[in-house]
Amino acid sequence: MSTFNNFERLTIALGADRALGKDYFVDAKLVGELVTSGNEWALHWEYDWLSKEPHVLDEVVDETVRIFEMFRHLQTSAEQSGHREVDTTFEGFDFNNDKHAGVARVLVEKLDRFDGVKGATNNSHSIVSIDRYRRMLAVYEPILKAIQGATYRTLNKDEIDQVLDRWRGK
């Protein structure tokens, strides 16, 4: 027996929902919004029974997720360690010039992911934001790798400052 592809799976699930008279298996409105906006990559995120398929935005999605995970770790670490004076608010992506902004909106507003990241859907109004986040990731990811090798923990104040210094241009 052959397996169904994603199109066939969605078609069958939508047909079953229609027969039942309600959105039982899939949210038809969400599926329509994701497909018509070019964000099919998000279908696999929402419905784990769909296979992950290559998408033109895969690299942007991956980088956006890594940036959100970094900020979630920074914010949690600052809060739990009592360093609330450290501003770890996410400044956002440039909605006019950066594909990350659209991906961020889908992740937060449509899929309810990363909504705990303060500022997750902010508009930075700055094309240089993504370059700053990449500089921060270059410092953060080696720290993360080192602490994951031991017992995963929050970041200490020095580690938080090292990462945020890249945002500040230091």
Protein backbone atom coordinates (compact mmCIF):
# COMPACT_ATOMS: atom_id res chain seq x y z
CA MET A 1 0.00 0.00 0.00
CA SER A 2 1.35 3.42 -0.88
CA THR A 3 1.39 6.34 1.53
CA PHE A 4 -0.46 9.55 0.88
CA ASN A 5 1.36 12.75 0.07
CA ASN A 6 0.60 15.96 2.00
CA PHE A 7 -1.88 17.20 -0.59
CA GLU A 8 -3.82 13.94 -0.39
CA ARG A 9 -3.72 13.92 3.42
CA LEU A 10 -5.04 17.48 3.62
CA THR A 11 -7.71 16.78 1.01
CA ILE A 12 -8.94 13.72 2.91
CA ALA A 13 -8.85 15.54 6.28
CA LEU A 14 -10.71 18.54 4.86
CA GLY A 15 -13.27 16.22 3.24
CA ALA A 16 -13.77 14.41 6.54
CA ASP A 17 -14.23 17.74 8.32
CA ARG A 18 -16.76 18.81 5.71
CA ALA A 19 -18.66 15.54 6.16
CA LEU A 20 -18.68 16.07 9.92
CA GLY A 21 -19.74 19.67 9.51
CA LYS A 22 -16.92 21.11 11.62
CA ASP A 23 -13.15 21.62 11.79
CA TYR A 24 -12.28 18.39 13.57
CA PHE A 25 -9.02 17.38 11.91
CA VAL A 26 -7.79 20.66 10.47
CA ASP A 27 -8.57 24.33 10.72
CA ALA A 28 -9.68 25.02 7.15
CA LYS A 29 -9.30 28.79 7.57
CA LEU A 30 -5.72 28.41 8.83
CA VAL A 31 -4.82 26.01 6.01
CA GLY A 32 -6.25 28.45 3.47
CA GLU A 33 -4.37 31.40 4.98
CA LEU A 34 -1.06 29.52 5.06
CA VAL A 35 -1.37 28.20 1.52
CA THR A 36 -2.54 31.46 -0.06
CA SER A 37 0.16 33.49 1.71
CA GLY A 38 3.01 31.22 0.60
CA ASN A 39 3.61 29.86 4.10
CA GLU A 40 3.02 26.18 3.39
CA TRP A 41 6.12 25.44 5.51
CA ALA A 42 3.94 26.09 8.57
CA LEU A 43 1.52 23.23 7.78
CA HIS A 44 4.01 20.68 9.12
CA TRP A 45 4.46 22.81 12.26
CA GLU A 46 0.72 22.79 12.91
CA TYR A 47 -0.05 19.24 11.80
CA ASP A 48 2.65 16.76 12.74
CA TRP A 49 0.98 14.10 10.61
CA LEU A 50 2.09 16.02 7.51
CA SER A 51 5.59 15.40 6.19
CA LYS A 52 8.12 18.19 6.19
CA GLU A 53 8.66 19.20 2.60
CA PRO A 54 11.35 21.51 1.20
CA HIS A 55 10.24 25.13 1.01
CA VAL A 56 11.87 28.28 -0.34
CA LEU A 57 11.68 29.85 3.16
CA ASP A 58 13.27 26.93 5.07
CA GLU A 59 16.51 28.82 5.83
CA VAL A 60 14.58 31.92 6.95
CA VAL A 61 12.30 29.80 9.16
CA ASP A 62 15.29 28.02 10.72
CA GLU A 63 17.11 31.27 11.43
CA THR A 64 13.97 32.94 12.82
CA VAL A 65 13.43 30.01 15.18
CA ARG A 66 17.07 30.13 16.32
CA ILE A 67 16.75 33.88 17.00
CA PHE A 68 13.51 33.40 18.95
CA GLU A 69 15.02 30.54 20.95
CA MET A 70 18.02 32.74 21.76
CA PHE A 71 15.80 35.58 22.97
CA ARG A 72 13.60 33.21 24.97
CA HIS A 73 16.74 31.87 26.68
CA LEU A 74 18.07 35.41 27.28
CA GLN A 75 14.75 36.61 28.71
CA THR A 76 14.27 33.56 30.93
CA SER A 77 17.86 33.75 32.16
CA ALA A 78 17.65 37.45 33.00
CA GLU A 79 14.36 36.95 34.83
CA GLN A 80 15.38 33.85 36.79
CA SER A 81 18.80 35.18 37.76
CA GLY A 82 17.39 38.44 39.05
CA HIS A 83 19.00 40.58 36.35
CA ARG A 84 15.77 42.31 35.43
CA GLU A 85 17.63 45.55 34.77
CA VAL A 86 19.06 43.97 31.63
CA ASP A 87 16.82 44.78 28.66
CA THR A 88 16.29 41.57 26.72
CA THR A 89 13.23 42.73 24.78
CA PHE A 90 13.24 41.54 21.19
CA GLU A 91 13.30 44.59 18.91
CA GLY A 92 11.61 42.79 16.01
CA PHE A 93 12.32 42.35 12.33
CA ASP A 94 11.98 44.99 9.62
CA PHE A 95 8.50 44.38 8.20
CA ASN A 96 9.30 46.26 4.98
CA ASN A 97 12.57 44.57 4.02
CA ASP A 98 12.99 41.30 5.89
CA LYS A 99 11.34 37.93 5.18
CA HIS A 100 11.93 36.98 8.83
CA ALA A 101 9.12 39.38 9.80
CA GLY A 102 6.49 37.38 7.90
CA VAL A 103 7.78 34.11 9.29
CA ALA A 104 7.75 35.58 12.81
CA ARG A 105 4.13 36.66 12.44
CA VAL A 106 3.07 33.20 11.26
CA LEU A 107 4.95 31.49 14.10
CA VAL A 108 3.48 33.77 16.77
CA GLU A 109 0.07 34.84 15.49
CA LYS A 110 -1.04 31.79 13.50
CA LEU A 111 0.77 28.91 15.23
CA ASP A 112 0.92 30.29 18.79
CA ARG A 113 4.66 29.65 19.02
CA PHE A 114 7.15 31.94 20.75
CA ASP A 115 4.37 34.19 22.03
CA GLY A 116 6.28 34.27 25.35
CA VAL A 117 9.16 36.11 23.68
CA LYS A 118 8.69 39.77 24.64
CA GLY A 119 8.45 41.79 21.43
CA ALA A 120 8.16 38.75 19.11
CA THR A 121 6.07 40.58 16.50
CA ASN A 122 7.60 44.04 16.86
CA ASN A 123 8.54 45.97 13.74
CA SER A 124 12.13 47.14 14.15
CA HIS A 125 11.87 49.54 11.18
CA SER A 126 15.55 48.78 10.62
CA ILE A 127 17.14 46.68 7.90
CA VAL A 128 20.21 46.17 10.12
CA SER A 129 18.27 44.23 12.77
CA ILE A 130 18.87 40.87 11.11
CA ASP A 131 22.62 41.52 10.91
CA ARG A 132 22.66 42.32 14.63
CA TYR A 133 20.76 39.12 15.44
CA ARG A 134 23.24 37.12 13.38
CA ARG A 135 26.13 38.66 15.33
CA MET A 136 24.34 37.76 18.55
CA LEU A 137 23.80 34.17 17.36
CA ALA A 138 27.53 33.91 16.58
CA VAL A 139 28.23 34.54 20.27
CA TYR A 140 25.19 32.74 21.73
CA GLU A 141 25.37 29.41 19.87
CA PRO A 142 28.87 28.45 21.11
CA ILE A 143 27.76 29.31 24.67
CA LEU A 144 24.63 27.21 24.18
CA LYS A 145 26.63 24.29 22.85
CA ALA A 146 28.96 24.43 25.86
CA ILE A 147 26.16 24.51 28.42
CA GLN A 148 24.12 21.82 26.68
CA GLY A 149 27.13 19.51 26.90
CA ALA A 150 26.81 19.74 30.67
CA THR A 151 23.46 20.23 32.33
CA TYR A 152 21.31 22.73 30.46
CA ARG A 153 21.01 25.90 32.49
CA THR A 154 20.10 29.54 32.26
CA LEU A 155 22.73 32.01 31.16
CA ASN A 156 24.67 33.96 33.77
CA LYS A 157 24.98 37.76 33.68
CA ASP A 158 28.34 37.69 31.87
CA GLU A 159 26.98 35.39 29.17
CA ILE A 160 23.88 37.55 28.77
CA ASP A 161 26.08 40.64 28.45
CA GLN A 162 28.36 38.92 25.90
CA VAL A 163 25.40 38.19 23.65
CA LEU A 164 23.69 41.56 24.13
CA ASP A 165 26.95 43.41 23.47
CA ARG A 166 26.66 42.23 19.86
CA TRP A 167 23.26 43.94 19.68
CA ARG A 168 24.75 47.10 21.15
CA GLY A 169 27.50 47.01 18.52
CA LYS A 170 30.36 46.17 20.89
